[in-house]
Amino acid sequence: MSEANIPLQARREGGGTPLMKDWHPSSEVGVLTDVLLGPAESFHWMGEENAAWSSLVRDTMRKGLTFDKQLAMRQYREMVSAYEDAGVACHYLPIDEQTPYQIYARDSSFITPYGAVICQLANPRRRGEYAAALRFYLEHGIPIYDMVSAGNFEGGDFNIIAEKTALVGYTDHRSEEVAARQVARWFEQEGWEIKFAPIDQFYVHIDLMVCMLNEACAAVCLETTPDDIVEWIRSKGIEIIPASFRETMSLGCNVVSLGRDRVLSTAGATDLNAKMKAAGFTVYDPEMTMFTQAGGGVHCMCQPLNREAA
């Protein structure tokens, strides 16, 4: 079988993989037109089954907080309404009752200009989430660029900063260095600049602390982001709006650029929201506690499928 016909691998060894024709997720900041979300109907807190994999979940359990399904559904609808108000078409992963955390659609895969990458999740109770992602992409004609095989790697650790430029994070827990280097090699062969972002497992993924707002501005938690990464971001001519440690550890920095200086944030990120508004951004801020207390924010919950050129 020729390299060009390997099933579920659009990636060309050595680079030169063609861009997708119908979907254009080439940045994190162009006008978002289509987004992939996980289904709220099957979502519930996993508690002990996920505590070993998230410092955020452990904090929720220590505080004795409890899950409210009706509140979660209301908050989810508010988030969807924000997307729709911004002109974004919402697509949904097929429901799998066995994988309640597929609500965090960025973990099981990530989208690239060449197609989707299917990830390998760390938590054994979540590994089946790849199946719904794979089915969605195949049903919608989105090529599979490749599938991570070297070890654990989750989509929140692939963070596009600029055209053909990305942060690739790892903690050797949720995402492992060996798998991060596998992913990085693929994109380096495509001509991308990759900056590795090794962080402590306490912080889960790099998108906890670094999220782009527009092509020239990012929300960054300076207390948690390593100095060399901050310097690298600034070297790209990107202005930083600082997020506090307290809000960052409640997923407050985990925001989504909607394009045209519009941002999807959360109600709890009051300090960051005020800073973004002062900088000229329009901020959507739904209450999302049922999701952030379970370990993921609005950036974790979305997979941008299509954006206009930044």
C-alpha atoms as a PDB file:
ATOM      1  CA  MET A   1       0.000   0.000   0.000  1.00  0.00           C
ATOM      2  CA  SER A   2       1.404   3.403  -0.950  1.00  0.00           C
ATOM      3  CA  GLU A   3       2.025   6.084   1.682  1.00  0.00           C
ATOM      4  CA  ALA A   4      -0.702   8.240   0.102  1.00  0.00           C
ATOM      5  CA  ASN A   5      -3.303   5.534   0.789  1.00  0.00           C
ATOM      6  CA  ILE A   6      -2.633   4.711   4.435  1.00  0.00           C
ATOM      7  CA  PRO A   7      -6.053   4.527   6.120  1.00  0.00           C
ATOM      8  CA  LEU A   8      -6.678   7.274   8.687  1.00  0.00           C
ATOM      9  CA  GLN A   9      -3.388   9.000   7.907  1.00  0.00           C
ATOM     10  CA  ALA A  10      -3.536  11.994   5.595  1.00  0.00           C
ATOM     11  CA  ARG A  11      -0.101  13.051   6.874  1.00  0.00           C
ATOM     12  CA  ARG A  12       2.730  12.677   4.402  1.00  0.00           C
ATOM     13  CA  GLU A  13       5.949  11.474   5.933  1.00  0.00           C
ATOM     14  CA  GLY A  14       8.515  14.227   5.590  1.00  0.00           C
ATOM     15  CA  GLY A  15       5.912  16.973   5.172  1.00  0.00           C
ATOM     16  CA  GLY A  16       4.008  18.432   2.257  1.00  0.00           C
ATOM     17  CA  THR A  17       0.591  17.274   3.460  1.00  0.00           C
ATOM     18  CA  PRO A  18      -2.129  19.104   1.487  1.00  0.00           C
ATOM     19  CA  LEU A  19      -4.376  21.538   3.331  1.00  0.00           C
ATOM     20  CA  MET A  20      -8.026  20.670   3.849  1.00  0.00           C
ATOM     21  CA  LYS A  21     -10.301  22.101   1.169  1.00  0.00           C
ATOM     22  CA  ASP A  22     -13.553  22.672   3.051  1.00  0.00           C
ATOM     23  CA  TRP A  23     -12.338  23.460   6.567  1.00  0.00           C
ATOM     24  CA  HIS A  24      -9.745  26.088   7.476  1.00  0.00           C
ATOM     25  CA  PRO A  25      -8.671  25.995  11.145  1.00  0.00           C
ATOM     26  CA  SER A  26      -5.292  27.607  10.502  1.00  0.00           C
ATOM     27  CA  SER A  27      -5.269  29.851  13.570  1.00  0.00           C
ATOM     28  CA  GLU A  28      -6.813  30.329  17.008  1.00  0.00           C
ATOM     29  CA  VAL A  29      -7.873  33.908  16.267  1.00  0.00           C
ATOM     30  CA  GLY A  30      -9.620  34.211  12.889  1.00  0.00           C
ATOM     31  CA  VAL A  31     -13.390  34.678  12.845  1.00  0.00           C
ATOM     32  CA  LEU A  32     -14.814  31.411  14.140  1.00  0.00           C
ATOM     33  CA  THR A  33     -17.580  30.089  11.886  1.00  0.00           C
ATOM     34  CA  ASP A  34     -17.902  26.451  13.011  1.00  0.00           C
ATOM     35  CA  VAL A  35     -17.166  24.799  16.338  1.00  0.00           C
ATOM     36  CA  LEU A  36     -17.337  21.208  17.575  1.00  0.00           C
ATOM     37  CA  LEU A  37     -18.749  20.699  21.076  1.00  0.00           C
ATOM     38  CA  GLY A  38     -19.286  17.675  23.279  1.00  0.00           C
ATOM     39  CA  PRO A  39     -22.840  16.680  24.246  1.00  0.00           C
ATOM     40  CA  ALA A  40     -24.111  17.919  27.611  1.00  0.00           C
ATOM     41  CA  GLU A  41     -26.786  15.223  27.836  1.00  0.00           C
ATOM     42  CA  SER A  42     -24.294  12.543  28.910  1.00  0.00           C
ATOM     43  CA  PHE A  43     -22.160  14.791  31.117  1.00  0.00           C
ATOM     44  CA  HIS A  44     -21.776  14.210  34.829  1.00  0.00           C
ATOM     45  CA  TRP A  45     -18.905  14.533  37.253  1.00  0.00           C
ATOM     46  CA  MET A  46     -16.595  11.520  37.433  1.00  0.00           C
ATOM     47  CA  GLY A  47     -15.258  12.401  40.884  1.00  0.00           C
ATOM     48  CA  GLU A  48     -12.758   9.835  42.187  1.00  0.00           C
ATOM     49  CA  GLU A  49     -12.397   8.299  38.728  1.00  0.00           C
ATOM     50  CA  ASN A  50     -10.854  11.541  37.494  1.00  0.00           C
ATOM     51  CA  ALA A  51      -9.243  12.915  40.662  1.00  0.00           C
ATOM     52  CA  ALA A  52      -5.829  11.421  39.955  1.00  0.00           C
ATOM     53  CA  TRP A  53      -5.750  13.219  36.616  1.00  0.00           C
ATOM     54  CA  SER A  54      -6.773  16.748  37.619  1.00  0.00           C
ATOM     55  CA  SER A  55      -5.716  19.032  40.462  1.00  0.00           C
ATOM     56  CA  LEU A  56      -8.863  21.038  39.691  1.00  0.00           C
ATOM     57  CA  VAL A  57     -11.079  18.030  40.376  1.00  0.00           C
ATOM     58  CA  ARG A  58      -9.242  17.320  43.620  1.00  0.00           C
ATOM     59  CA  ASP A  59      -9.883  20.901  44.719  1.00  0.00           C
ATOM     60  CA  THR A  60     -13.594  20.542  43.926  1.00  0.00           C
ATOM     61  CA  MET A  61     -13.772  17.353  45.968  1.00  0.00           C
ATOM     62  CA  ARG A  62     -11.962  18.928  48.935  1.00  0.00           C
ATOM     63  CA  LYS A  63     -14.520  21.734  48.945  1.00  0.00           C
ATOM     64  CA  GLY A  64     -17.415  19.259  48.985  1.00  0.00           C
ATOM     65  CA  LEU A  65     -19.039  20.741  45.881  1.00  0.00           C
ATOM     66  CA  THR A  66     -21.732  18.690  44.153  1.00  0.00           C
ATOM     67  CA  PHE A  67     -22.996  18.295  40.605  1.00  0.00           C
ATOM     68  CA  ASP A  68     -26.339  19.794  39.558  1.00  0.00           C
ATOM     69  CA  LYS A  69     -27.463  18.385  36.214  1.00  0.00           C
ATOM     70  CA  GLN A  70     -30.137  21.001  35.569  1.00  0.00           C
ATOM     71  CA  LEU A  71     -27.720  23.811  36.333  1.00  0.00           C
ATOM     72  CA  ALA A  72     -25.176  22.225  34.002  1.00  0.00           C
ATOM     73  CA  MET A  73     -27.730  22.100  31.197  1.00  0.00           C
ATOM     74  CA  ARG A  74     -28.676  25.758  31.728  1.00  0.00           C
ATOM     75  CA  GLN A  75     -25.042  26.825  31.727  1.00  0.00           C
ATOM     76  CA  TYR A  76     -24.332  24.780  28.605  1.00  0.00           C
ATOM     77  CA  ARG A  77     -27.267  26.376  26.781  1.00  0.00           C
ATOM     78  CA  GLU A  78     -25.955  29.804  27.775  1.00  0.00           C
ATOM     79  CA  MET A  79     -22.573  28.943  26.257  1.00  0.00           C
ATOM     80  CA  VAL A  80     -24.181  27.669  23.052  1.00  0.00           C
ATOM     81  CA  SER A  81     -26.271  30.855  22.873  1.00  0.00           C
ATOM     82  CA  ALA A  82     -23.082  32.910  23.101  1.00  0.00           C
ATOM     83  CA  TYR A  83     -21.598  31.027  20.156  1.00  0.00           C
ATOM     84  CA  GLU A  84     -24.781  31.428  18.132  1.00  0.00           C
ATOM     85  CA  ASP A  85     -25.004  35.134  18.979  1.00  0.00           C
ATOM     86  CA  ALA A  86     -21.475  35.451  17.592  1.00  0.00           C
ATOM     87  CA  GLY A  87     -22.560  33.771  14.347  1.00  0.00           C
ATOM     88  CA  VAL A  88     -20.883  30.428  15.050  1.00  0.00           C
ATOM     89  CA  ALA A  89     -22.476  27.195  13.814  1.00  0.00           C
ATOM     90  CA  CYS A  90     -22.329  24.570  16.568  1.00  0.00           C
ATOM     91  CA  HIS A  91     -21.661  20.919  15.724  1.00  0.00           C
ATOM     92  CA  TYR A  92     -21.826  18.116  18.289  1.00  0.00           C
ATOM     93  CA  LEU A  93     -19.999  14.885  18.977  1.00  0.00           C
ATOM     94  CA  PRO A  94     -22.283  11.830  18.964  1.00  0.00           C
ATOM     95  CA  ILE A  95     -23.423  10.919  22.472  1.00  0.00           C
ATOM     96  CA  ASP A  96     -21.704   8.034  24.236  1.00  0.00           C
ATOM     97  CA  GLU A  97     -23.110   7.404  27.719  1.00  0.00           C
ATOM     98  CA  GLN A  98     -19.894   5.604  28.673  1.00  0.00           C
ATOM     99  CA  THR A  99     -17.759   8.727  28.232  1.00  0.00           C
ATOM    100  CA  PRO A 100     -19.323  11.630  30.176  1.00  0.00           C
ATOM    101  CA  TYR A 101     -16.202  13.780  29.826  1.00  0.00           C
ATOM    102  CA  GLN A 102     -16.431  13.918  26.047  1.00  0.00           C
ATOM    103  CA  ILE A 103     -17.950  17.317  26.908  1.00  0.00           C
ATOM    104  CA  TYR A 104     -14.314  18.478  26.864  1.00  0.00           C
ATOM    105  CA  ALA A 105     -14.049  18.129  23.104  1.00  0.00           C
ATOM    106  CA  ARG A 106     -10.482  19.436  22.889  1.00  0.00           C
ATOM    107  CA  ASP A 107      -8.972  16.543  24.860  1.00  0.00           C
ATOM    108  CA  SER A 108      -9.647  13.613  22.527  1.00  0.00           C
ATOM    109  CA  SER A 109      -8.469  15.313  19.336  1.00  0.00           C
ATOM    110  CA  PHE A 110      -7.240  18.565  17.892  1.00  0.00           C
ATOM    111  CA  ILE A 111      -7.831  20.110  14.503  1.00  0.00           C
ATOM    112  CA  THR A 112      -5.094  21.317  12.165  1.00  0.00           C
ATOM    113  CA  PRO A 113      -5.056  22.814   8.658  1.00  0.00           C
ATOM    114  CA  TYR A 114      -4.336  19.306   7.341  1.00  0.00           C
ATOM    115  CA  GLY A 115      -7.005  17.423   9.263  1.00  0.00           C
ATOM    116  CA  ALA A 116      -7.726  16.134  12.740  1.00  0.00           C
ATOM    117  CA  VAL A 117      -5.248  14.478  15.066  1.00  0.00           C
ATOM    118  CA  ILE A 118      -6.752  11.729  17.215  1.00  0.00           C
ATOM    119  CA  CYS A 119      -5.219  11.846  20.675  1.00  0.00           C
ATOM    120  CA  GLN A 120      -4.472   9.254  23.332  1.00  0.00           C
ATOM    121  CA  LEU A 121      -6.008  10.221  26.669  1.00  0.00           C
ATOM    122  CA  ALA A 122      -4.268   9.446  29.948  1.00  0.00           C
ATOM    123  CA  ASN A 123      -7.238   8.460  32.118  1.00  0.00           C
ATOM    124  CA  PRO A 124      -8.278   4.878  31.258  1.00  0.00           C
ATOM    125  CA  ARG A 125     -11.930   5.808  31.905  1.00  0.00           C
ATOM    126  CA  ARG A 126     -11.695   8.472  29.182  1.00  0.00           C
ATOM    127  CA  ARG A 127      -9.764   6.686  26.457  1.00  0.00           C
ATOM    128  CA  GLY A 128     -12.928   5.679  24.632  1.00  0.00           C
ATOM    129  CA  GLU A 129     -13.615   9.331  23.791  1.00  0.00           C
ATOM    130  CA  TYR A 130     -11.511   8.929  20.660  1.00  0.00           C
ATOM    131  CA  ALA A 131     -14.315   6.903  19.044  1.00  0.00           C
ATOM    132  CA  ALA A 132     -16.940   9.662  18.925  1.00  0.00           C
ATOM    133  CA  ALA A 133     -14.341  12.127  17.653  1.00  0.00           C
ATOM    134  CA  LEU A 134     -13.243   9.742  14.935  1.00  0.00           C
ATOM    135  CA  ARG A 135     -16.830   9.063  13.879  1.00  0.00           C
ATOM    136  CA  PHE A 136     -17.627  12.784  13.692  1.00  0.00           C
ATOM    137  CA  TYR A 137     -14.630  13.573  11.509  1.00  0.00           C
ATOM    138  CA  LEU A 138     -15.252  10.671   9.147  1.00  0.00           C
ATOM    139  CA  GLU A 139     -18.955  11.527   8.835  1.00  0.00           C
ATOM    140  CA  HIS A 140     -18.129  15.151   7.998  1.00  0.00           C
ATOM    141  CA  GLY A 141     -15.391  14.501   5.471  1.00  0.00           C
ATOM    142  CA  ILE A 142     -12.603  15.807   7.708  1.00  0.00           C
ATOM    143  CA  PRO A 143      -9.398  13.872   7.041  1.00  0.00           C
ATOM    144  CA  ILE A 144      -7.499  12.265   9.889  1.00  0.00           C
ATOM    145  CA  TYR A 145      -4.037  13.797   9.782  1.00  0.00           C
ATOM    146  CA  ASP A 146      -2.692  11.085  12.081  1.00  0.00           C
ATOM    147  CA  MET A 147      -3.210   9.357  15.410  1.00  0.00           C
ATOM    148  CA  VAL A 148      -0.924   9.757  18.407  1.00  0.00           C
ATOM    149  CA  SER A 149       0.727   6.433  19.215  1.00  0.00           C
ATOM    150  CA  ALA A 150       3.905   7.145  21.212  1.00  0.00           C
ATOM    151  CA  GLY A 151       2.120   7.784  24.523  1.00  0.00           C
ATOM    152  CA  ASN A 152      -0.463  10.009  26.166  1.00  0.00           C
ATOM    153  CA  PHE A 153      -1.155  13.314  24.435  1.00  0.00           C
ATOM    154  CA  GLU A 154      -4.262  15.494  24.800  1.00  0.00           C
ATOM    155  CA  GLY A 155      -5.466  18.308  22.573  1.00  0.00           C
ATOM    156  CA  GLY A 156      -5.154  21.067  25.170  1.00  0.00           C
ATOM    157  CA  ASP A 157      -1.390  20.763  24.804  1.00  0.00           C
ATOM    158  CA  PHE A 158      -1.364  21.749  21.110  1.00  0.00           C
ATOM    159  CA  ASN A 159      -1.729  25.515  21.123  1.00  0.00           C
ATOM    160  CA  ILE A 160      -1.508  27.436  17.822  1.00  0.00           C
ATOM    161  CA  ILE A 161       0.036  30.851  18.494  1.00  0.00           C
ATOM    162  CA  ALA A 162       0.469  32.178  14.955  1.00  0.00           C
ATOM    163  CA  GLU A 163       0.491  30.833  11.415  1.00  0.00           C
ATOM    164  CA  LYS A 164       2.488  27.569  11.408  1.00  0.00           C
ATOM    165  CA  THR A 165       3.647  28.303  14.962  1.00  0.00           C
ATOM    166  CA  ALA A 166       2.561  26.327  18.020  1.00  0.00           C
ATOM    167  CA  LEU A 167       3.234  25.652  21.662  1.00  0.00           C
ATOM    168  CA  VAL A 168       3.357  21.926  22.415  1.00  0.00           C
ATOM    169  CA  GLY A 169       2.937  21.256  26.107  1.00  0.00           C
ATOM    170  CA  TYR A 170       3.547  18.215  28.241  1.00  0.00           C
ATOM    171  CA  THR A 171       3.519  17.298  31.930  1.00  0.00           C
ATOM    172  CA  ASP A 172       4.537  13.624  31.635  1.00  0.00           C
ATOM    173  CA  HIS A 173       1.113  12.915  33.096  1.00  0.00           C
ATOM    174  CA  ARG A 174      -1.856  13.946  30.932  1.00  0.00           C
ATOM    175  CA  SER A 175       0.508  14.503  27.996  1.00  0.00           C
ATOM    176  CA  GLU A 176       3.880  12.775  27.909  1.00  0.00           C
ATOM    177  CA  GLU A 177       7.089  14.169  26.466  1.00  0.00           C
ATOM    178  CA  VAL A 178       7.570  11.170  24.183  1.00  0.00           C
ATOM    179  CA  ALA A 179       4.163  11.775  22.568  1.00  0.00           C
ATOM    180  CA  ALA A 180       4.625  15.556  22.492  1.00  0.00           C
ATOM    181  CA  ARG A 181       7.827  15.015  20.529  1.00  0.00           C
ATOM    182  CA  GLN A 182       6.042  12.681  18.126  1.00  0.00           C
ATOM    183  CA  VAL A 183       3.431  15.360  17.444  1.00  0.00           C
ATOM    184  CA  ALA A 184       6.047  18.110  17.201  1.00  0.00           C
ATOM    185  CA  ARG A 185       8.065  16.145  14.658  1.00  0.00           C
ATOM    186  CA  TRP A 186       5.043  15.849  12.372  1.00  0.00           C
ATOM    187  CA  PHE A 187       4.532  19.597  12.319  1.00  0.00           C
ATOM    188  CA  GLU A 188       8.211  20.476  12.087  1.00  0.00           C
ATOM    189  CA  GLN A 189       8.256  18.388   8.917  1.00  0.00           C
ATOM    190  CA  GLU A 190       5.402  20.568   7.627  1.00  0.00           C
ATOM    191  CA  GLY A 191       7.560  23.656   8.226  1.00  0.00           C
ATOM    192  CA  TRP A 192       6.086  24.724  11.561  1.00  0.00           C
ATOM    193  CA  GLU A 193       7.960  26.399  14.388  1.00  0.00           C
ATOM    194  CA  ILE A 194       7.371  24.440  17.587  1.00  0.00           C
ATOM    195  CA  LYS A 195       8.074  25.681  21.097  1.00  0.00           C
ATOM    196  CA  PHE A 196       7.954  22.978  23.749  1.00  0.00           C
ATOM    197  CA  ALA A 197       6.169  23.898  26.971  1.00  0.00           C
ATOM    198  CA  PRO A 198       7.041  21.473  29.772  1.00  0.00           C
ATOM    199  CA  ILE A 199       4.895  22.295  32.814  1.00  0.00           C
ATOM    200  CA  ASP A 200       4.061  20.693  36.146  1.00  0.00           C
ATOM    201  CA  GLN A 201       1.180  18.203  36.102  1.00  0.00           C
ATOM    202  CA  PHE A 202      -0.630  20.439  38.612  1.00  0.00           C
ATOM    203  CA  TYR A 203      -1.471  22.730  35.669  1.00  0.00           C
ATOM    204  CA  VAL A 204      -2.903  19.933  33.481  1.00  0.00           C
ATOM    205  CA  HIS A 205      -2.480  21.503  29.981  1.00  0.00           C
ATOM    206  CA  ILE A 206      -0.728  24.533  28.480  1.00  0.00           C
ATOM    207  CA  ASP A 207      -4.092  26.046  27.472  1.00  0.00           C
ATOM    208  CA  LEU A 208      -4.848  26.499  31.179  1.00  0.00           C
ATOM    209  CA  MET A 209      -2.396  29.411  31.173  1.00  0.00           C
ATOM    210  CA  VAL A 210      -1.947  30.608  27.550  1.00  0.00           C
ATOM    211  CA  CYS A 211      -4.809  31.415  25.161  1.00  0.00           C
ATOM    212  CA  MET A 212      -4.730  33.698  22.128  1.00  0.00           C
ATOM    213  CA  LEU A 213      -7.230  36.586  21.962  1.00  0.00           C
ATOM    214  CA  ASN A 214      -6.342  38.007  18.543  1.00  0.00           C
ATOM    215  CA  GLU A 215      -3.268  37.834  16.332  1.00  0.00           C
ATOM    216  CA  ALA A 216      -1.463  40.416  18.473  1.00  0.00           C
ATOM    217  CA  CYS A 217      -2.734  39.665  21.978  1.00  0.00           C
ATOM    218  CA  ALA A 218      -2.876  36.694  24.352  1.00  0.00           C
ATOM    219  CA  ALA A 219      -4.191  36.009  27.834  1.00  0.00           C
ATOM    220  CA  VAL A 220      -1.340  34.552  29.879  1.00  0.00           C
ATOM    221  CA  CYS A 221      -0.911  33.670  33.541  1.00  0.00           C
ATOM    222  CA  LEU A 222       2.549  35.037  34.288  1.00  0.00           C
ATOM    223  CA  GLU A 223       2.739  33.255  37.654  1.00  0.00           C
ATOM    224  CA  THR A 224       2.463  29.800  36.075  1.00  0.00           C
ATOM    225  CA  THR A 225       3.877  30.193  32.559  1.00  0.00           C
ATOM    226  CA  PRO A 226       7.645  29.548  32.367  1.00  0.00           C
ATOM    227  CA  ASP A 227       9.706  32.676  31.649  1.00  0.00           C
ATOM    228  CA  ASP A 228      11.144  31.326  28.402  1.00  0.00           C
ATOM    229  CA  ILE A 229       7.633  30.768  27.040  1.00  0.00           C
ATOM    230  CA  VAL A 230       6.556  34.279  28.033  1.00  0.00           C
ATOM    231  CA  GLU A 231       9.649  35.696  26.318  1.00  0.00           C
ATOM    232  CA  TRP A 232       9.006  33.572  23.225  1.00  0.00           C
ATOM    233  CA  ILE A 233       5.400  34.804  23.004  1.00  0.00           C
ATOM    234  CA  ARG A 234       6.520  38.412  23.332  1.00  0.00           C
ATOM    235  CA  SER A 235       9.205  37.841  20.685  1.00  0.00           C
ATOM    236  CA  LYS A 236       6.356  37.195  18.231  1.00  0.00           C
ATOM    237  CA  GLY A 237       5.083  40.745  18.797  1.00  0.00           C
ATOM    238  CA  ILE A 238       2.202  39.481  20.928  1.00  0.00           C
ATOM    239  CA  GLU A 239       0.959  41.679  23.761  1.00  0.00           C
ATOM    240  CA  ILE A 240       0.094  39.869  26.981  1.00  0.00           C
ATOM    241  CA  ILE A 241      -2.981  40.531  29.101  1.00  0.00           C
ATOM    242  CA  PRO A 242      -2.115  38.932  32.449  1.00  0.00           C
ATOM    243  CA  ALA A 243      -4.525  36.536  34.124  1.00  0.00           C
ATOM    244  CA  SER A 244      -4.264  36.102  37.881  1.00  0.00           C
ATOM    245  CA  PHE A 245      -3.184  32.809  39.422  1.00  0.00           C
ATOM    246  CA  ARG A 246      -6.488  32.521  41.286  1.00  0.00           C
ATOM    247  CA  GLU A 247      -8.623  32.938  38.166  1.00  0.00           C
ATOM    248  CA  THR A 248      -6.304  30.759  36.096  1.00  0.00           C
ATOM    249  CA  MET A 249      -6.697  27.873  38.541  1.00  0.00           C
ATOM    250  CA  SER A 250     -10.469  28.208  38.099  1.00  0.00           C
ATOM    251  CA  LEU A 251     -10.070  28.006  34.302  1.00  0.00           C
ATOM    252  CA  GLY A 252     -10.449  31.765  33.936  1.00  0.00           C
ATOM    253  CA  CYS A 253      -7.610  32.061  31.412  1.00  0.00           C
ATOM    254  CA  ASN A 254      -9.029  29.180  29.355  1.00  0.00           C
ATOM    255  CA  VAL A 255     -10.845  31.443  26.879  1.00  0.00           C
ATOM    256  CA  VAL A 256     -11.830  31.208  23.208  1.00  0.00           C
ATOM    257  CA  SER A 257     -11.158  33.832  20.564  1.00  0.00           C
ATOM    258  CA  LEU A 258     -14.232  34.287  18.369  1.00  0.00           C
ATOM    259  CA  GLY A 259     -12.458  36.661  15.983  1.00  0.00           C
ATOM    260  CA  ARG A 260     -13.011  40.389  15.402  1.00  0.00           C
ATOM    261  CA  ASP A 261     -11.891  41.122  18.980  1.00  0.00           C
ATOM    262  CA  ARG A 262     -14.619  38.999  20.547  1.00  0.00           C
ATOM    263  CA  VAL A 263     -13.847  36.468  23.276  1.00  0.00           C
ATOM    264  CA  LEU A 264     -15.803  33.697  24.973  1.00  0.00           C
ATOM    265  CA  SER A 265     -14.842  33.721  28.651  1.00  0.00           C
ATOM    266  CA  THR A 266     -16.677  32.796  31.860  1.00  0.00           C
ATOM    267  CA  ALA A 267     -18.465  34.796  34.540  1.00  0.00           C
ATOM    268  CA  GLY A 268     -15.919  33.793  37.162  1.00  0.00           C
ATOM    269  CA  ALA A 269     -13.011  35.491  35.373  1.00  0.00           C
ATOM    270  CA  THR A 270     -13.999  38.958  36.560  1.00  0.00           C
ATOM    271  CA  ASP A 271     -10.492  40.437  36.640  1.00  0.00           C
ATOM    272  CA  LEU A 272      -9.437  39.086  33.237  1.00  0.00           C
ATOM    273  CA  ASN A 273     -12.798  40.019  31.711  1.00  0.00           C
ATOM    274  CA  ALA A 274     -12.384  43.610  32.903  1.00  0.00           C
ATOM    275  CA  LYS A 275      -8.872  43.755  31.446  1.00  0.00           C
ATOM    276  CA  MET A 276     -10.028  42.372  28.100  1.00  0.00           C
ATOM    277  CA  LYS A 277     -12.913  44.839  27.928  1.00  0.00           C
ATOM    278  CA  ALA A 278     -10.531  47.693  28.755  1.00  0.00           C
ATOM    279  CA  ALA A 279      -8.352  46.531  25.861  1.00  0.00           C
ATOM    280  CA  GLY A 280     -11.322  46.798  23.481  1.00  0.00           C
ATOM    281  CA  PHE A 281     -12.575  43.209  23.412  1.00  0.00           C
ATOM    282  CA  THR A 282     -16.232  42.219  23.451  1.00  0.00           C
ATOM    283  CA  VAL A 283     -16.532  39.526  26.118  1.00  0.00           C
ATOM    284  CA  TYR A 284     -19.187  36.823  26.388  1.00  0.00           C
ATOM    285  CA  ASP A 285     -19.163  35.550  29.974  1.00  0.00           C
ATOM    286  CA  PRO A 286     -21.616  32.719  30.685  1.00  0.00           C
ATOM    287  CA  GLU A 287     -21.607  31.092  34.114  1.00  0.00           C
ATOM    288  CA  MET A 288     -19.840  27.720  33.643  1.00  0.00           C
ATOM    289  CA  THR A 289     -19.176  26.431  37.168  1.00  0.00           C
ATOM    290  CA  MET A 290     -20.536  22.928  36.578  1.00  0.00           C
ATOM    291  CA  PHE A 291     -17.858  22.459  33.931  1.00  0.00           C
ATOM    292  CA  THR A 292     -14.924  24.399  35.367  1.00  0.00           C
ATOM    293  CA  GLN A 293     -15.310  22.638  38.731  1.00  0.00           C
ATOM    294  CA  ALA A 294     -15.050  19.326  36.863  1.00  0.00           C
ATOM    295  CA  GLY A 295     -11.698  20.324  35.405  1.00  0.00           C
ATOM    296  CA  GLY A 296     -12.271  22.077  32.081  1.00  0.00           C
ATOM    297  CA  GLY A 297     -13.090  25.548  30.796  1.00  0.00           C
ATOM    298  CA  VAL A 298     -14.681  26.842  27.612  1.00  0.00           C
ATOM    299  CA  HIS A 299     -11.448  26.413  25.622  1.00  0.00           C
ATOM    300  CA  CYS A 300     -11.269  22.779  26.780  1.00  0.00           C
ATOM    301  CA  MET A 301     -14.885  22.317  25.697  1.00  0.00           C
ATOM    302  CA  CYS A 302     -14.492  23.390  22.074  1.00  0.00           C
ATOM    303  CA  GLN A 303     -12.792  22.270  18.900  1.00  0.00           C
ATOM    304  CA  PRO A 304     -12.662  25.083  16.306  1.00  0.00           C
ATOM    305  CA  LEU A 305     -13.495  23.500  12.960  1.00  0.00           C
ATOM    306  CA  ASN A 306     -13.374  26.525  10.690  1.00  0.00           C
ATOM    307  CA  ARG A 307     -12.086  30.075  10.911  1.00  0.00           C
ATOM    308  CA  GLU A 308     -11.765  32.878   8.429  1.00  0.00           C
ATOM    309  CA  ALA A 309      -8.231  34.042   7.723  1.00  0.00           C
ATOM    310  CA  ALA A 310      -6.893  36.154  10.578  1.00  0.00           C
END
